[in-house]
C-alpha cells in the first residue's frame, strides 16, 4: 500500500527528511510491536539499545519523530506489567532515555538555547508565515481537500493534480477500509473480547492519533494542510487500510493473505529469531502449558480427596458413639409407644 501510494513515490524521489522518518518510524513501530508480543523477560539490553538508537535518530530526523517516545514508554510499560517487574521498567526506560538523549538531545538543547523552546516550532511558524489571529480547528475544514489530495498525490510544488477519478478512487477505497474497520470493532464488541494482540494495536493506533494531533497543531500555526505530514505514521495507516479491506473478503482469503505475509517474513528471519520462535515461543510455551494443565489436574484430584477424607472423619468416634446411643434411645421409645417390647443387646 505504501509502495504504490503515488505521493510516497513522489516524496521519495526528492531529498527530504520525510523519507528517513518513514523508514525509522516503521522500524521503531516494528521493534515495539515485537517487544510487546515477546514472552522474553528481563532487561533485553540489545533490543532496548537498538530501539533507543532508532528512536534517537527519528527524533533527530524530524520533530514529529519524537512522537514515538511516548509510544515506546507505553511499550516498555506493557512489558513490565506483563512480567510484574517495575524494576525492569525503570532500567529499560532509563536506558532508552539515555540513548535517545545521547543521539538527539543536543539538537533540542540547541533549540532551547537559540529559540527558547525545545522543538523550535514557533520559530519555524514565523519563518513559514503564521496564521491570522483567531484561526481555529473549525477553519481547517475548508482545507481538507488540500490535505486529502496531498496524502495520495499532489505533485510539483503542490500544484500539479492527479486526474479527478484518482481522488474518487482513493476516497472510495479509504471509506471501504474505514467501514471494514468499524465492522471488525463491532464484531469484537458483540463477542465481548479484546482483539488479538490488543497491546500492539494500542501502540499503532495511538501513534496515528498523536501524529494527526501534531499535524493539526502545526497546521493551526501556519498554512500547512499537507497530508504528507502524516507519512511518519504511514506504515501504521497502511496496516489498518489493509485490515479494513480484508474484512470484506471471506475468512479463507484472509488466512491466505496473512499466510503469505507470514511466509515472506519467515524468509527474512535470522537463526536466533528462528530459535526464539520454535524453542521459546512454541515448544517451551506448549510444554509449560502441558505441565500447568497436569499440575492443575493433580491438584484438583488431591483437593477432592482431602475434602472427602475431611468430611468422612469430621466427627470423632466418641461423638459418633453418643449419637448412636441417642438414636437408639429414640427408636426404643417409639417402639414402646407402639406396644412392642424391644431388647437390644450388644
Protein backbone atom coordinates (compact mmCIF):
# COMPACT_ATOMS: atom_id res chain seq x y z
CA UNK A 1 0.00 0.00 0.00
CA UNK A 2 2.82 2.38 0.91
CA UNK A 3 4.90 1.45 -2.11
CA UNK A 4 2.00 2.12 -4.51
CA UNK A 5 0.97 5.43 -2.98
CA UNK A 6 1.92 7.97 -5.71
CA UNK A 7 2.59 10.68 -3.15
CA UNK A 8 5.03 8.47 -1.28
CA UNK A 9 6.84 7.75 -4.54
CA UNK A 10 6.93 11.46 -5.35
CA UNK A 11 8.35 12.32 -1.91
CA UNK A 12 10.90 9.51 -2.19
CA UNK A 13 12.15 10.98 -5.46
CA UNK A 14 13.24 14.15 -3.65
CA UNK A 15 15.76 14.87 -0.92
CA UNK A 16 13.91 15.49 2.36
CA UNK A 17 13.61 14.18 5.88
CA UNK A 18 10.22 12.52 5.32
CA UNK A 19 11.94 9.60 3.58
CA UNK A 20 14.18 8.81 6.52
CA UNK A 21 11.38 9.37 9.02
CA UNK A 22 9.14 6.82 7.25
CA UNK A 23 11.92 4.24 7.49
CA UNK A 24 12.80 4.97 11.11
CA UNK A 25 9.22 5.19 12.38
CA UNK A 26 8.27 1.93 10.65
CA UNK A 27 11.35 0.27 12.17
CA UNK A 28 10.60 1.66 15.63
CA UNK A 29 6.98 0.52 15.49
CA UNK A 30 8.07 -2.95 14.35
CA UNK A 31 10.55 -3.19 17.23
CA UNK A 32 7.92 -2.06 19.75
CA UNK A 33 5.26 -4.44 18.45
CA UNK A 34 7.78 -7.26 18.53
CA UNK A 35 8.67 -6.25 22.08
CA UNK A 36 5.13 -6.35 23.47
CA UNK A 37 4.45 -9.70 21.76
CA UNK A 38 7.62 -11.31 23.13
CA UNK A 39 7.45 -13.55 26.18
CA UNK A 40 11.10 -12.87 27.00
CA UNK A 41 11.54 -11.17 30.36
CA UNK A 42 14.33 -9.04 31.75
CA UNK A 43 16.25 -6.03 30.52
CA UNK A 44 16.73 -7.30 26.94
CA UNK A 45 19.65 -4.93 26.63
CA UNK A 46 20.40 -5.46 22.94
CA UNK A 47 16.79 -4.95 21.82
CA UNK A 48 16.37 -1.96 24.14
CA UNK A 49 19.60 -0.40 22.90
CA UNK A 50 18.57 -0.88 19.26
CA UNK A 51 15.16 0.68 19.91
CA UNK A 52 16.83 3.61 21.64
CA UNK A 53 19.11 4.20 18.64
CA UNK A 54 16.16 4.17 16.23
CA UNK A 55 14.13 6.49 18.46
CA UNK A 56 17.06 8.87 18.78
CA UNK A 57 17.61 9.00 15.03
CA UNK A 58 13.88 9.52 14.42
CA UNK A 59 13.78 12.38 16.95
CA UNK A 60 16.80 13.95 15.25
CA UNK A 61 15.35 13.49 11.76
CA UNK A 62 12.15 15.42 12.37
CA UNK A 63 10.32 16.87 15.35
CA UNK A 64 7.36 14.59 14.69
CA UNK A 65 9.72 11.64 15.17
CA UNK A 66 9.73 12.49 18.87
CA UNK A 67 6.09 11.38 18.98
CA UNK A 68 7.45 7.84 19.02
CA UNK A 69 8.84 8.41 22.52
CA UNK A 70 5.51 8.14 24.44
CA UNK A 71 4.67 5.08 22.33
CA UNK A 72 7.97 3.49 23.38
CA UNK A 73 7.23 4.35 27.01
CA UNK A 74 3.88 2.59 26.71
CA UNK A 75 5.51 -0.46 25.08
CA UNK A 76 8.03 -0.74 27.93
CA UNK A 77 5.15 -0.35 30.42
CA UNK A 78 3.22 -3.18 28.76
CA UNK A 79 6.26 -5.46 29.05
CA UNK A 80 6.86 -4.58 32.70
CA UNK A 81 3.17 -5.00 33.53
CA UNK A 82 3.11 -8.46 31.95
CA UNK A 83 6.28 -9.51 33.81
CA UNK A 84 5.13 -7.76 37.04
CA UNK A 85 8.61 -6.21 37.25
CA UNK A 86 8.74 -2.44 37.67
CA UNK A 87 12.48 -2.68 38.24
CA UNK A 88 12.81 -3.83 34.64
CA UNK A 89 10.56 -0.94 33.57
CA UNK A 90 12.86 1.53 35.32
CA UNK A 91 16.05 0.01 33.89
CA UNK A 92 14.75 -0.25 30.31
CA UNK A 93 13.21 3.20 30.44
CA UNK A 94 16.44 4.72 31.76
CA UNK A 95 18.45 3.03 29.03
CA UNK A 96 16.08 4.31 26.33
CA UNK A 97 16.18 7.86 27.70
CA UNK A 98 19.98 7.80 27.90
CA UNK A 99 20.42 6.57 24.33
CA UNK A 100 17.87 8.99 22.85
CA UNK A 101 19.39 11.89 24.79
CA UNK A 102 22.89 10.98 23.61
CA UNK A 103 21.80 10.95 19.96
CA UNK A 104 19.24 13.75 19.72
CA UNK A 105 19.39 15.66 22.98
CA UNK A 106 21.99 18.14 21.79
CA UNK A 107 19.68 19.33 19.00
CA UNK A 108 16.78 20.09 21.31
CA UNK A 109 19.07 21.81 23.80
CA UNK A 110 20.35 23.94 20.92
CA UNK A 111 16.77 24.88 20.04
CA UNK A 112 16.09 25.77 23.65
CA UNK A 113 19.15 28.00 23.78
CA UNK A 114 18.52 29.74 20.46
CA UNK A 115 14.71 29.93 20.33
CA UNK A 116 13.61 29.44 23.92
CA UNK A 117 11.76 26.19 23.13
CA UNK A 118 12.85 22.58 22.64
CA UNK A 119 11.23 21.97 19.25
CA UNK A 120 11.63 25.42 17.70
CA UNK A 121 8.14 25.15 16.21
CA UNK A 122 7.17 28.75 16.93
CA UNK A 123 10.26 29.99 15.12
CA UNK A 124 9.54 27.75 12.12
CA UNK A 125 5.97 29.08 12.01
CA UNK A 126 7.31 32.63 11.95
CA UNK A 127 9.56 31.81 9.00
CA UNK A 128 6.85 29.90 7.10
CA UNK A 129 4.21 32.54 7.85
CA UNK A 130 1.89 32.47 10.84
CA UNK A 131 -1.88 32.07 10.71
CA UNK A 132 -4.02 35.11 11.44
CA UNK A 133 -5.18 35.60 15.00
CA UNK A 134 -8.28 33.61 15.91
CA UNK A 135 -7.71 30.82 13.38
CA UNK A 136 -9.07 27.58 14.89
CA UNK A 137 -9.97 23.98 14.19
CA UNK A 138 -13.28 24.95 12.61
CA UNK A 139 -11.38 26.91 9.98
CA UNK A 140 -9.38 23.83 8.99
CA UNK A 141 -12.46 22.19 7.50
CA UNK A 142 -12.06 24.36 4.42
CA UNK A 143 -8.60 22.88 3.81
CA UNK A 144 -9.50 19.21 3.99
CA UNK A 145 -9.30 18.81 0.20
CA UNK A 146 -5.70 20.01 0.13
CA UNK A 147 -4.85 17.62 2.97
CA UNK A 148 -6.55 14.69 1.25
CA UNK A 149 -5.02 15.35 -2.17
CA UNK A 150 -1.52 15.73 -0.77
CA UNK A 151 -1.74 12.40 1.06
CA UNK A 152 -2.40 10.45 -2.15
CA UNK A 153 -0.98 12.61 -4.94
CA UNK A 154 -0.32 16.32 -5.31
CA UNK A 155 2.83 16.89 -7.30
CA UNK A 156 5.19 19.62 -8.43
CA UNK A 157 5.22 22.48 -5.95
CA UNK A 158 1.94 21.02 -4.67
CA UNK A 159 0.16 22.48 -7.69
CA UNK A 160 0.01 19.52 -10.11
CA UNK A 161 -3.11 17.45 -9.51
CA UNK A 162 -3.80 13.86 -10.46
CA UNK A 163 -6.91 13.10 -12.56
CA UNK A 164 -10.15 13.61 -10.65
CA UNK A 165 -11.05 9.91 -10.89
CA UNK A 166 -7.91 9.09 -8.89
CA UNK A 167 -9.12 11.05 -5.86
CA UNK A 168 -12.56 9.47 -6.17
CA UNK A 169 -10.94 6.03 -6.26
CA UNK A 170 -8.71 6.62 -3.24
CA UNK A 171 -11.60 8.19 -1.37
CA UNK A 172 -13.84 5.20 -2.07
CA UNK A 173 -11.14 2.73 -1.05
CA UNK A 174 -10.49 4.64 2.16
CA UNK A 175 -14.19 4.71 3.03
CA UNK A 176 -14.35 0.97 2.31
CA UNK A 177 -11.43 0.37 4.66
CA UNK A 178 -12.98 2.57 7.35
CA UNK A 179 -16.27 0.70 7.14
CA UNK A 180 -14.39 -2.60 7.35
CA UNK A 181 -12.57 -1.50 10.48
CA UNK A 182 -15.85 -0.37 12.02
CA UNK A 183 -17.35 -3.78 11.25
CA UNK A 184 -14.36 -5.52 12.86
CA UNK A 185 -14.76 -3.43 16.00
CA UNK A 186 -18.50 -4.14 16.10
CA UNK A 187 -17.85 -7.88 15.90
CA UNK A 188 -15.32 -7.64 18.70
CA UNK A 189 -17.78 -5.67 20.82
CA UNK A 190 -20.54 -8.20 20.25
CA UNK A 191 -18.17 -11.04 21.18
CA UNK A 192 -17.15 -9.04 24.27
CA UNK A 193 -13.48 -9.75 23.80
CA UNK A 194 -10.39 -7.73 23.08
CA UNK A 195 -8.79 -8.05 19.64
CA UNK A 196 -5.84 -10.37 19.32
CA UNK A 197 -2.59 -8.51 20.05
CA UNK A 198 -4.57 -5.61 21.51
CA UNK A 199 -1.42 -4.12 23.01
CA UNK A 200 0.17 -3.87 19.55
CA UNK A 201 -2.98 -2.27 18.17
CA UNK A 202 -2.94 0.21 21.04
CA UNK A 203 0.60 1.30 20.16
CA UNK A 204 -0.12 1.66 16.44
CA UNK A 205 -3.45 3.42 16.82
CA UNK A 206 -2.10 5.79 19.45
CA UNK A 207 0.81 6.75 17.20
CA UNK A 208 -1.60 7.56 14.37
CA UNK A 209 -3.66 9.72 16.75
CA UNK A 210 -0.60 11.54 18.09
CA UNK A 211 0.72 12.16 14.59
CA UNK A 212 -2.66 13.53 13.46
CA UNK A 213 -2.80 15.76 16.54
CA UNK A 214 0.70 17.02 15.81
CA UNK A 215 -0.21 17.80 12.20
CA UNK A 216 -3.34 19.64 13.33
CA UNK A 217 -1.32 21.64 15.83
CA UNK A 218 1.27 22.61 13.22
CA UNK A 219 -1.41 23.47 10.66
CA UNK A 220 -3.07 25.79 13.16
CA UNK A 221 0.19 27.72 13.41
CA UNK A 222 0.98 28.04 9.70
CA UNK A 223 -0.73 27.18 6.37
CA UNK A 224 0.49 23.60 6.02
CA UNK A 225 -2.54 21.39 5.31
CA UNK A 226 -0.47 18.67 3.68
CA UNK A 227 -1.32 15.01 4.01
CA UNK A 228 2.32 14.08 3.52
CA UNK A 229 2.91 15.27 7.08
CA UNK A 230 1.16 12.05 8.15
CA UNK A 231 3.80 9.95 6.41
CA UNK A 232 5.64 9.43 9.69
CA UNK A 233 2.76 7.10 10.58
CA UNK A 234 2.17 5.81 7.06
CA UNK A 235 3.18 2.24 7.94
CA UNK A 236 0.53 2.05 10.67
CA UNK A 237 -2.06 3.75 8.44
CA UNK A 238 -1.36 1.24 5.65
CA UNK A 239 -1.80 -1.66 8.07
CA UNK A 240 -5.28 -0.51 9.08
CA UNK A 241 -6.25 0.15 5.48
CA UNK A 242 -5.32 -3.46 4.72
CA UNK A 243 -7.24 -4.75 7.75
CA UNK A 244 -10.30 -2.80 6.70
CA UNK A 245 -10.22 -4.13 3.16
CA UNK A 246 -9.65 -7.72 4.26
CA UNK A 247 -12.80 -7.58 6.38
CA UNK A 248 -14.91 -7.72 3.22
CA UNK A 249 -13.28 -10.91 1.94
CA UNK A 250 -14.14 -14.48 3.00
CA UNK A 251 -12.27 -15.79 6.02
CA UNK A 252 -10.23 -18.27 3.97
CA UNK A 253 -9.00 -15.45 1.74
CA UNK A 254 -7.92 -13.54 4.82
CA UNK A 255 -5.99 -16.57 6.05
CA UNK A 256 -4.26 -16.85 2.66
CA UNK A 257 -3.29 -13.18 2.83
CA UNK A 258 -1.84 -13.47 6.31
CA UNK A 259 -0.17 -16.78 5.45
CA UNK A 260 1.54 -15.12 2.50
CA UNK A 261 2.72 -12.25 4.68
CA UNK A 262 3.97 -14.68 7.31
CA UNK A 263 5.80 -16.77 4.69
CA UNK A 264 7.54 -13.68 3.37
CA UNK A 265 8.56 -12.76 6.91
CA UNK A 266 9.93 -16.25 7.65
CA UNK A 267 12.40 -15.95 4.80
CA UNK A 268 13.95 -12.91 6.46
CA UNK A 269 14.29 -14.46 9.94
CA UNK A 270 17.74 -14.89 11.42
CA UNK A 271 18.89 -18.09 13.10
CA UNK A 272 18.41 -16.59 16.57
CA UNK A 273 14.89 -15.42 15.70
CA UNK A 274 14.01 -18.91 14.42
CA UNK A 275 15.30 -20.45 17.65
CA UNK A 276 13.21 -17.99 19.66
CA UNK A 277 10.07 -18.78 17.65
CA UNK A 278 10.48 -22.56 17.64
CA UNK A 279 12.03 -23.20 21.04
CA UNK A 280 10.89 -20.34 23.31
CA UNK A 281 7.56 -19.30 21.79
CA UNK A 282 6.36 -22.73 20.60
CA UNK A 283 7.99 -25.71 22.31
CA UNK A 284 8.65 -24.23 25.73
CA UNK A 285 5.30 -22.46 25.75
CA UNK A 286 3.48 -25.69 24.84
CA UNK A 287 5.49 -27.64 27.43
CA UNK A 288 4.74 -25.06 30.11
CA UNK A 289 1.04 -25.19 29.25
CA UNK A 290 1.01 -29.02 29.42
CA UNK A 291 2.85 -29.04 32.76
CA UNK A 292 0.47 -26.45 34.17
CA UNK A 293 -2.55 -28.46 32.99
CA UNK A 294 -1.18 -31.64 34.61
CA UNK A 295 -0.42 -29.81 37.86
CA UNK A 296 -3.95 -28.43 37.97
CA UNK A 297 -5.41 -31.89 37.33
CA UNK A 298 -3.34 -33.46 40.14
CA UNK A 299 -4.09 -30.54 42.46
CA UNK A 300 -7.83 -30.85 41.85
CA UNK A 301 -7.69 -34.59 42.48
CA UNK A 302 -5.78 -34.17 45.73
CA UNK A 303 -8.04 -31.40 46.95
CA UNK A 304 -11.11 -33.53 46.18
CA UNK A 305 -9.66 -36.48 48.09
CA UNK A 306 -8.68 -34.31 51.06
CA UNK A 307 -12.19 -32.86 51.17
CA UNK A 308 -13.68 -36.34 51.08
CA UNK A 309 -11.47 -37.51 53.97
CA UNK A 310 -12.23 -34.36 55.92
CA UNK A 311 -15.95 -34.94 55.59
CA UNK A 312 -15.59 -38.62 56.46
CA UNK A 313 -13.56 -38.07 59.63
CA UNK A 314 -15.12 -34.78 60.62
CA UNK A 315 -16.74 -36.23 63.80
CA UNK A 316 -14.57 -38.13 66.41
CA UNK A 317 -15.51 -41.67 67.50
CA UNK A 318 -16.87 -40.75 70.96
CA UNK A 319 -19.20 -38.23 69.35
CA UNK A 320 -20.40 -40.88 66.91
CA UNK A 321 -21.00 -43.33 69.80
CA UNK A 322 -23.05 -40.71 71.64
CA UNK A 323 -25.07 -40.05 68.52
CA UNK A 324 -25.73 -43.78 68.03
CA UNK A 325 -26.84 -44.11 71.65
CA UNK A 326 -29.15 -41.12 71.28
CA UNK A 327 -30.77 -42.54 68.15
CA UNK A 328 -31.06 -45.98 69.80
CA UNK A 329 -32.94 -44.46 72.73
CA UNK A 330 -35.31 -42.61 70.44
CA UNK A 331 -36.05 -45.78 68.43
CA UNK A 332 -36.76 -47.77 71.62
CA UNK A 333 -39.13 -45.04 72.79
CA UNK A 334 -41.06 -45.08 69.50
CA UNK A 335 -41.35 -48.89 69.56
CA UNK A 336 -42.52 -48.91 73.21
CA UNK A 337 -45.30 -46.44 72.43
CA UNK A 338 -46.34 -48.70 69.58
CA UNK A 339 -46.75 -51.63 72.07
CA UNK A 340 -43.62 -53.52 71.21
CA UNK A 341 -41.14 -54.78 73.69
CA UNK A 342 -37.63 -54.30 72.45
CA UNK A 343 -34.49 -55.74 73.85
CA UNK A 344 -31.33 -54.55 72.24
CA UNK A 345 -28.14 -56.32 73.15
CA UNK A 346 -24.61 -55.66 72.07
